Amino acid sequence: ETSKILFMEKKNHNVLSYKEAFRLATLG
């Protein structure tokens, strides 16, 4: 959700996918 907020504010921001967020919670 934070990533999506930044996308709406910056427009050039690539939204985090659920797979990327899942990686942050595990291997990341």
PDB file of all heavy atoms in Angstrom:
ATOM      1  N   GLU A   1       0.827  -1.206   0.000  1.00  0.00           N
ATOM      2  CA  GLU A   1       0.000   0.000   0.000  1.00  0.00           C
ATOM      3  C   GLU A   1       0.865   1.261   0.000  1.00  0.00           C
ATOM      4  O   GLU A   1       0.554   2.233  -0.719  1.00  0.00           O
ATOM      5  CB  GLU A   1      -0.923  -0.010   1.217  1.00  0.00           C
ATOM      6  CG  GLU A   1      -2.023  -1.065   1.135  1.00  0.00           C
ATOM      7  CD  GLU A   1      -2.739  -1.263   2.453  1.00  0.00           C
ATOM      8  OE1 GLU A   1      -2.467  -0.497   3.403  1.00  0.00           O
ATOM      9  OE2 GLU A   1      -3.563  -2.197   2.543  1.00  0.00           O
ATOM     10  N   THR A   2       1.945   1.270   0.774  1.00  0.00           N
ATOM     11  CA  THR A   2       2.854   2.415   0.782  1.00  0.00           C
ATOM     12  C   THR A   2       3.448   2.635  -0.597  1.00  0.00           C
ATOM     13  O   THR A   2       3.561   3.768  -1.080  1.00  0.00           O
ATOM     14  CB  THR A   2       3.979   2.205   1.814  1.00  0.00           C
ATOM     15  OG1 THR A   2       3.414   2.150   3.124  1.00  0.00           O
ATOM     16  CG2 THR A   2       5.002   3.334   1.749  1.00  0.00           C
ATOM     17  N   SER A   3       3.825   1.532  -1.242  1.00  0.00           N
ATOM     18  CA  SER A   3       4.373   1.623  -2.591  1.00  0.00           C
ATOM     19  C   SER A   3       3.357   2.225  -3.564  1.00  0.00           C
ATOM     20  O   SER A   3       3.713   3.020  -4.437  1.00  0.00           O
ATOM     21  CB  SER A   3       4.801   0.228  -3.053  1.00  0.00           C
ATOM     22  OG  SER A   3       5.340   0.256  -4.347  1.00  0.00           O
ATOM     23  N   LYS A   4       2.099   1.878  -3.386  1.00  0.00           N
ATOM     24  CA  LYS A   4       1.050   2.420  -4.260  1.00  0.00           C
ATOM     25  C   LYS A   4       0.820   3.907  -3.982  1.00  0.00           C
ATOM     26  O   LYS A   4       0.555   4.688  -4.911  1.00  0.00           O
ATOM     27  CB  LYS A   4      -0.239   1.624  -4.082  1.00  0.00           C
ATOM     28  CG  LYS A   4      -0.147   0.208  -4.653  1.00  0.00           C
ATOM     29  CD  LYS A   4      -1.436  -0.575  -4.475  1.00  0.00           C
ATOM     30  CE  LYS A   4      -1.308  -1.960  -5.120  1.00  0.00           C
ATOM     31  NZ  LYS A   4      -2.540  -2.768  -4.965  1.00  0.00           N
ATOM     32  N   ILE A   5       0.921   4.292  -2.718  1.00  0.00           N
ATOM     33  CA  ILE A   5       0.800   5.723  -2.384  1.00  0.00           C
ATOM     34  C   ILE A   5       1.915   6.514  -3.058  1.00  0.00           C
ATOM     35  O   ILE A   5       1.684   7.584  -3.638  1.00  0.00           O
ATOM     36  CB  ILE A   5       0.842   5.917  -0.854  1.00  0.00           C
ATOM     37  CG1 ILE A   5      -0.431   5.367  -0.215  1.00  0.00           C
ATOM     38  CG2 ILE A   5       1.019   7.393  -0.493  1.00  0.00           C
ATOM     39  CD1 ILE A   5      -0.387   5.277   1.286  1.00  0.00           C
ATOM     40  N   LEU A   6       3.137   5.991  -2.997  1.00  0.00           N
ATOM     41  CA  LEU A   6       4.266   6.662  -3.639  1.00  0.00           C
ATOM     42  C   LEU A   6       4.086   6.725  -5.152  1.00  0.00           C
ATOM     43  O   LEU A   6       4.456   7.711  -5.793  1.00  0.00           O
ATOM     44  CB  LEU A   6       5.571   5.958  -3.285  1.00  0.00           C
ATOM     45  CG  LEU A   6       6.022   6.117  -1.830  1.00  0.00           C
ATOM     46  CD1 LEU A   6       7.228   5.227  -1.543  1.00  0.00           C
ATOM     47  CD2 LEU A   6       6.361   7.569  -1.522  1.00  0.00           C
ATOM     48  N   PHE A   7       3.492   5.675  -5.718  1.00  0.00           N
ATOM     49  CA  PHE A   7       3.206   5.689  -7.156  1.00  0.00           C
ATOM     50  C   PHE A   7       2.225   6.814  -7.497  1.00  0.00           C
ATOM     51  O   PHE A   7       2.421   7.558  -8.466  1.00  0.00           O
ATOM     52  CB  PHE A   7       2.614   4.347  -7.592  1.00  0.00           C
ATOM     53  CG  PHE A   7       2.013   4.370  -8.971  1.00  0.00           C
ATOM     54  CD1 PHE A   7       2.825   4.342 -10.096  1.00  0.00           C
ATOM     55  CD2 PHE A   7       0.637   4.456  -9.135  1.00  0.00           C
ATOM     56  CE1 PHE A   7       2.265   4.386 -11.368  1.00  0.00           C
ATOM     57  CE2 PHE A   7       0.082   4.494 -10.405  1.00  0.00           C
ATOM     58  CZ  PHE A   7       0.895   4.466 -11.523  1.00  0.00           C
ATOM     59  N   MET A   8       1.194   6.964  -6.671  1.00  0.00           N
ATOM     60  CA  MET A   8       0.204   8.007  -6.939  1.00  0.00           C
ATOM     61  C   MET A   8       0.801   9.400  -6.767  1.00  0.00           C
ATOM     62  O   MET A   8       0.402  10.341  -7.456  1.00  0.00           O
ATOM     63  CB  MET A   8      -1.007   7.827  -6.016  1.00  0.00           C
ATOM     64  CG  MET A   8      -1.855   6.610  -6.381  1.00  0.00           C
ATOM     65  SD  MET A   8      -3.367   6.467  -5.391  1.00  0.00           S
ATOM     66  CE  MET A   8      -2.723   5.827  -3.853  1.00  0.00           C
ATOM     67  N   GLU A   9       1.776   9.518  -5.871  1.00  0.00           N
ATOM     68  CA  GLU A   9       2.408  10.815  -5.646  1.00  0.00           C
ATOM     69  C   GLU A   9       3.482  11.126  -6.687  1.00  0.00           C
ATOM     70  O   GLU A   9       3.603  12.261  -7.138  1.00  0.00           O
ATOM     71  CB  GLU A   9       3.033  10.851  -4.248  1.00  0.00           C
ATOM     72  CG  GLU A   9       2.015  10.849  -3.118  1.00  0.00           C
ATOM     73  CD  GLU A   9       2.679  10.807  -1.751  1.00  0.00           C
ATOM     74  OE1 GLU A   9       3.902  10.550  -1.686  1.00  0.00           O
ATOM     75  OE2 GLU A   9       1.968  11.023  -0.755  1.00  0.00           O
ATOM     76  N   LYS A  10       4.249  10.095  -7.066  1.00  0.00           N
ATOM     77  CA  LYS A  10       5.411  10.326  -7.928  1.00  0.00           C
ATOM     78  C   LYS A  10       5.167   9.968  -9.389  1.00  0.00           C
ATOM     79  O   LYS A  10       5.869  10.438 -10.277  1.00  0.00           O
ATOM     80  CB  LYS A  10       6.605   9.507  -7.419  1.00  0.00           C
ATOM     81  CG  LYS A  10       7.097   9.921  -6.044  1.00  0.00           C
ATOM     82  CD  LYS A  10       8.345   9.122  -5.673  1.00  0.00           C
ATOM     83  CE  LYS A  10       8.893   9.563  -4.324  1.00  0.00           C
ATOM     84  NZ  LYS A  10      10.133   8.828  -3.980  1.00  0.00           N
ATOM     85  N   LYS A  11       4.222   9.071  -9.618  1.00  0.00           N
ATOM     86  CA  LYS A  11       3.855   8.607 -10.963  1.00  0.00           C
ATOM     87  C   LYS A  11       4.931   7.733 -11.621  1.00  0.00           C
ATOM     88  O   LYS A  11       4.625   6.777 -12.304  1.00  0.00           O
ATOM     89  CB  LYS A  11       3.528   9.792 -11.892  1.00  0.00           C
ATOM     90  CG  LYS A  11       2.384  10.670 -11.397  1.00  0.00           C
ATOM     91  CD  LYS A  11       1.094   9.882 -11.234  1.00  0.00           C
ATOM     92  CE  LYS A  11      -0.042  10.764 -10.769  1.00  0.00           C
ATOM     93  NZ  LYS A  11      -1.267   9.984 -10.499  1.00  0.00           N
ATOM     94  N   ASN A  12       6.204   8.039 -11.400  1.00  0.00           N
ATOM     95  CA  ASN A  12       7.271   7.252 -12.027  1.00  0.00           C
ATOM     96  C   ASN A  12       7.776   6.148 -11.111  1.00  0.00           C
ATOM     97  O   ASN A  12       8.809   5.538 -11.352  1.00  0.00           O
ATOM     98  CB  ASN A  12       8.451   8.151 -12.423  1.00  0.00           C
ATOM     99  CG  ASN A  12       9.071   8.848 -11.224  1.00  0.00           C
ATOM    100  OD1 ASN A  12       8.458   8.913 -10.162  1.00  0.00           O
ATOM    101  ND2 ASN A  12      10.271   9.374 -11.403  1.00  0.00           N
ATOM    102  N   HIS A  13       7.053   5.898 -10.037  1.00  0.00           N
ATOM    103  CA  HIS A  13       7.436   4.887  -9.056  1.00  0.00           C
ATOM    104  C   HIS A  13       6.834   3.541  -9.455  1.00  0.00           C
ATOM    105  O   HIS A  13       5.641   3.438  -9.724  1.00  0.00           O
ATOM    106  CB  HIS A  13       6.939   5.303  -7.669  1.00  0.00           C
ATOM    107  CG  HIS A  13       7.171   4.284  -6.599  1.00  0.00           C
ATOM    108  ND1 HIS A  13       8.326   4.237  -5.862  1.00  0.00           N
ATOM    109  CD2 HIS A  13       6.391   3.274  -6.143  1.00  0.00           C
ATOM    110  CE1 HIS A  13       8.252   3.249  -4.993  1.00  0.00           C
ATOM    111  NE2 HIS A  13       7.086   2.655  -5.143  1.00  0.00           N
ATOM    112  N   ASN A  14       7.651   2.496  -9.471  1.00  0.00           N
ATOM    113  CA  ASN A  14       7.162   1.156  -9.784  1.00  0.00           C
ATOM    114  C   ASN A  14       6.622   0.501  -8.516  1.00  0.00           C
ATOM    115  O   ASN A  14       7.337   0.363  -7.521  1.00  0.00           O
ATOM    116  CB  ASN A  14       8.279   0.290 -10.369  1.00  0.00           C
ATOM    117  CG  ASN A  14       8.689   0.759 -11.740  1.00  0.00           C
ATOM    118  OD1 ASN A  14       7.859   1.215 -12.520  1.00  0.00           O
ATOM    119  ND2 ASN A  14       9.975   0.654 -12.051  1.00  0.00           N
ATOM    120  N   VAL A  15       5.362   0.091  -8.556  1.00  0.00           N
ATOM    121  CA  VAL A  15       4.703  -0.496  -7.393  1.00  0.00           C
ATOM    122  C   VAL A  15       5.319  -1.850  -7.056  1.00  0.00           C
ATOM    123  O   VAL A  15       5.631  -2.648  -7.945  1.00  0.00           O
ATOM    124  CB  VAL A  15       3.191  -0.644  -7.669  1.00  0.00           C
ATOM    125  CG1 VAL A  15       2.514  -1.418  -6.554  1.00  0.00           C
ATOM    126  CG2 VAL A  15       2.551   0.728  -7.832  1.00  0.00           C
ATOM    127  N   LEU A  16       5.475  -2.119  -5.751  1.00  0.00           N
ATOM    128  CA  LEU A  16       5.947  -3.428  -5.317  1.00  0.00           C
ATOM    129  C   LEU A  16       4.868  -4.471  -5.601  1.00  0.00           C
ATOM    130  O   LEU A  16       3.686  -4.262  -5.299  1.00  0.00           O
ATOM    131  CB  LEU A  16       6.240  -3.429  -3.822  1.00  0.00           C
ATOM    132  CG  LEU A  16       7.471  -2.679  -3.316  1.00  0.00           C
ATOM    133  CD1 LEU A  16       7.511  -2.733  -1.785  1.00  0.00           C
ATOM    134  CD2 LEU A  16       8.751  -3.273  -3.896  1.00  0.00           C
ATOM    135  N   SER A  17       5.249  -5.588  -6.146  1.00  0.00           N
ATOM    136  CA  SER A  17       4.320  -6.695  -6.342  1.00  0.00           C
ATOM    137  C   SER A  17       4.199  -7.489  -5.037  1.00  0.00           C
ATOM    138  O   SER A  17       5.033  -7.355  -4.142  1.00  0.00           O
ATOM    139  CB  SER A  17       4.826  -7.614  -7.451  1.00  0.00           C
ATOM    140  OG  SER A  17       6.009  -8.296  -7.026  1.00  0.00           O
ATOM    141  N   TYR A  18       3.177  -8.338  -4.955  1.00  0.00           N
ATOM    142  CA  TYR A  18       3.023  -9.144  -3.746  1.00  0.00           C
ATOM    143  C   TYR A  18       4.193 -10.115  -3.613  1.00  0.00           C
ATOM    144  O   TYR A  18       4.604 -10.465  -2.496  1.00  0.00           O
ATOM    145  CB  TYR A  18       1.675  -9.877  -3.741  1.00  0.00           C
ATOM    146  CG  TYR A  18       1.627 -11.150  -4.550  1.00  0.00           C
ATOM    147  CD1 TYR A  18       1.966 -12.377  -3.988  1.00  0.00           C
ATOM    148  CD2 TYR A  18       1.230 -11.126  -5.891  1.00  0.00           C
ATOM    149  CE1 TYR A  18       1.906 -13.548  -4.730  1.00  0.00           C
ATOM    150  CE2 TYR A  18       1.164 -12.281  -6.636  1.00  0.00           C
ATOM    151  CZ  TYR A  18       1.503 -13.498  -6.056  1.00  0.00           C
ATOM    152  OH  TYR A  18       1.460 -14.658  -6.796  1.00  0.00           O
ATOM    153  N   LYS A  19       4.756 -10.548  -4.741  1.00  0.00           N
ATOM    154  CA  LYS A  19       5.904 -11.453  -4.684  1.00  0.00           C
ATOM    155  C   LYS A  19       7.122 -10.744  -4.102  1.00  0.00           C
ATOM    156  O   LYS A  19       7.884 -11.325  -3.322  1.00  0.00           O
ATOM    157  CB  LYS A  19       6.214 -11.996  -6.081  1.00  0.00           C
ATOM    158  CG  LYS A  19       5.135 -12.906  -6.642  1.00  0.00           C
ATOM    159  CD  LYS A  19       5.503 -13.409  -8.036  1.00  0.00           C
ATOM    160  CE  LYS A  19       4.416 -14.313  -8.596  1.00  0.00           C
ATOM    161  NZ  LYS A  19       4.747 -14.795  -9.966  1.00  0.00           N
ATOM    162  N   GLU A  20       7.313  -9.477  -4.474  1.00  0.00           N
ATOM    163  CA  GLU A  20       8.438  -8.717  -3.935  1.00  0.00           C
ATOM    164  C   GLU A  20       8.250  -8.463  -2.441  1.00  0.00           C
ATOM    165  O   GLU A  20       9.209  -8.554  -1.657  1.00  0.00           O
ATOM    166  CB  GLU A  20       8.589  -7.395  -4.691  1.00  0.00           C
ATOM    167  CG  GLU A  20       9.089  -7.544  -6.113  1.00  0.00           C
ATOM    168  CD  GLU A  20       9.094  -6.240  -6.869  1.00  0.00           C
ATOM    169  OE1 GLU A  20       8.040  -5.573  -6.912  1.00  0.00           O
ATOM    170  OE2 GLU A  20      10.156  -5.874  -7.411  1.00  0.00           O
ATOM    171  N   ALA A  21       7.021  -8.144  -2.026  1.00  0.00           N
ATOM    172  CA  ALA A  21       6.758  -7.914  -0.605  1.00  0.00           C
ATOM    173  C   ALA A  21       6.922  -9.203   0.191  1.00  0.00           C
ATOM    174  O   ALA A  21       7.431  -9.191   1.322  1.00  0.00           O
ATOM    175  CB  ALA A  21       5.346  -7.354  -0.424  1.00  0.00           C
ATOM    176  N   PHE A  22       6.509 -10.320  -0.394  1.00  0.00           N
ATOM    177  CA  PHE A  22       6.700 -11.626   0.238  1.00  0.00           C
ATOM    178  C   PHE A  22       8.184 -11.902   0.428  1.00  0.00           C
ATOM    179  O   PHE A  22       8.610 -12.397   1.484  1.00  0.00           O
ATOM    180  CB  PHE A  22       6.055 -12.705  -0.637  1.00  0.00           C
ATOM    181  CG  PHE A  22       6.315 -14.116  -0.195  1.00  0.00           C
ATOM    182  CD1 PHE A  22       5.824 -14.576   1.010  1.00  0.00           C
ATOM    183  CD2 PHE A  22       7.040 -14.989  -1.001  1.00  0.00           C
ATOM    184  CE1 PHE A  22       6.050 -15.898   1.421  1.00  0.00           C
ATOM    185  CE2 PHE A  22       7.278 -16.301  -0.602  1.00  0.00           C
ATOM    186  CZ  PHE A  22       6.772 -16.755   0.606  1.00  0.00           C
ATOM    187  N   ARG A  23       8.987 -11.555  -0.551  1.00  0.00           N
ATOM    188  CA  ARG A  23      10.431 -11.751  -0.436  1.00  0.00           C
ATOM    189  C   ARG A  23      11.014 -10.887   0.681  1.00  0.00           C
ATOM    190  O   ARG A  23      11.894 -11.340   1.416  1.00  0.00           O
ATOM    191  CB  ARG A  23      11.130 -11.415  -1.768  1.00  0.00           C
ATOM    192  CG  ARG A  23      12.609 -11.755  -1.774  1.00  0.00           C
ATOM    193  CD  ARG A  23      13.321 -11.264  -3.028  1.00  0.00           C
ATOM    194  NE  ARG A  23      14.677 -11.781  -3.098  1.00  0.00           N
ATOM    195  CZ  ARG A  23      15.706 -11.305  -2.395  1.00  0.00           C
ATOM    196  NH1 ARG A  23      15.525 -10.295  -1.558  1.00  0.00           N
ATOM    197  NH2 ARG A  23      16.914 -11.844  -2.516  1.00  0.00           N
ATOM    198  N   LEU A  24      10.524  -9.650   0.823  1.00  0.00           N
ATOM    199  CA  LEU A  24      11.008  -8.783   1.890  1.00  0.00           C
ATOM    200  C   LEU A  24      10.768  -9.414   3.261  1.00  0.00           C
ATOM    201  O   LEU A  24      11.584  -9.264   4.176  1.00  0.00           O
ATOM    202  CB  LEU A  24      10.315  -7.424   1.838  1.00  0.00           C
ATOM    203  CG  LEU A  24      10.606  -6.513   0.644  1.00  0.00           C
ATOM    204  CD1 LEU A  24       9.791  -5.225   0.769  1.00  0.00           C
ATOM    205  CD2 LEU A  24      12.092  -6.188   0.531  1.00  0.00           C
ATOM    206  N   ALA A  25       9.641 -10.122   3.411  1.00  0.00           N
ATOM    207  CA  ALA A  25       9.273 -10.718   4.698  1.00  0.00           C
ATOM    208  C   ALA A  25      10.006 -12.025   4.971  1.00  0.00           C
ATOM    209  O   ALA A  25       9.968 -12.520   6.116  1.00  0.00           O
ATOM    210  CB  ALA A  25       7.763 -10.971   4.740  1.00  0.00           C
ATOM    211  N   THR A  26      10.676 -12.574   3.977  1.00  0.00           N
ATOM    212  CA  THR A  26      11.339 -13.873   4.143  1.00  0.00           C
ATOM    213  C   THR A  26      12.833 -13.755   3.823  1.00  0.00           C
ATOM    214  O   THR A  26      13.626 -13.416   4.691  1.00  0.00           O
ATOM    215  CB  THR A  26      10.643 -14.928   3.266  1.00  0.00           C
ATOM    216  OG1 THR A  26      10.552 -14.459   1.899  1.00  0.00           O
ATOM    217  CG2 THR A  26       9.222 -15.203   3.759  1.00  0.00           C
ATOM    218  N   LEU A  27      13.198 -13.983   2.578  1.00  0.00           N
ATOM    219  CA  LEU A  27      14.612 -13.936   2.212  1.00  0.00           C
ATOM    220  C   LEU A  27      15.197 -12.539   2.401  1.00  0.00           C
ATOM    221  O   LEU A  27      16.347 -12.394   2.831  1.00  0.00           O
ATOM    222  CB  LEU A  27      14.798 -14.389   0.763  1.00  0.00           C
ATOM    223  CG  LEU A  27      16.240 -14.500   0.267  1.00  0.00           C
ATOM    224  CD1 LEU A  27      17.059 -15.453   1.126  1.00  0.00           C
ATOM    225  CD2 LEU A  27      16.264 -14.938  -1.202  1.00  0.00           C
ATOM    226  N   GLY A  28      14.425 -11.495   2.108  1.00  0.00           N
ATOM    227  CA  GLY A  28      14.909 -10.130   2.313  1.00  0.00           C
ATOM    228  C   GLY A  28      15.247  -9.870   3.767  1.00  0.00           C
ATOM    229  O   GLY A  28      16.258  -9.224   4.085  1.00  0.00           O
TER     230      GLY A  28
END
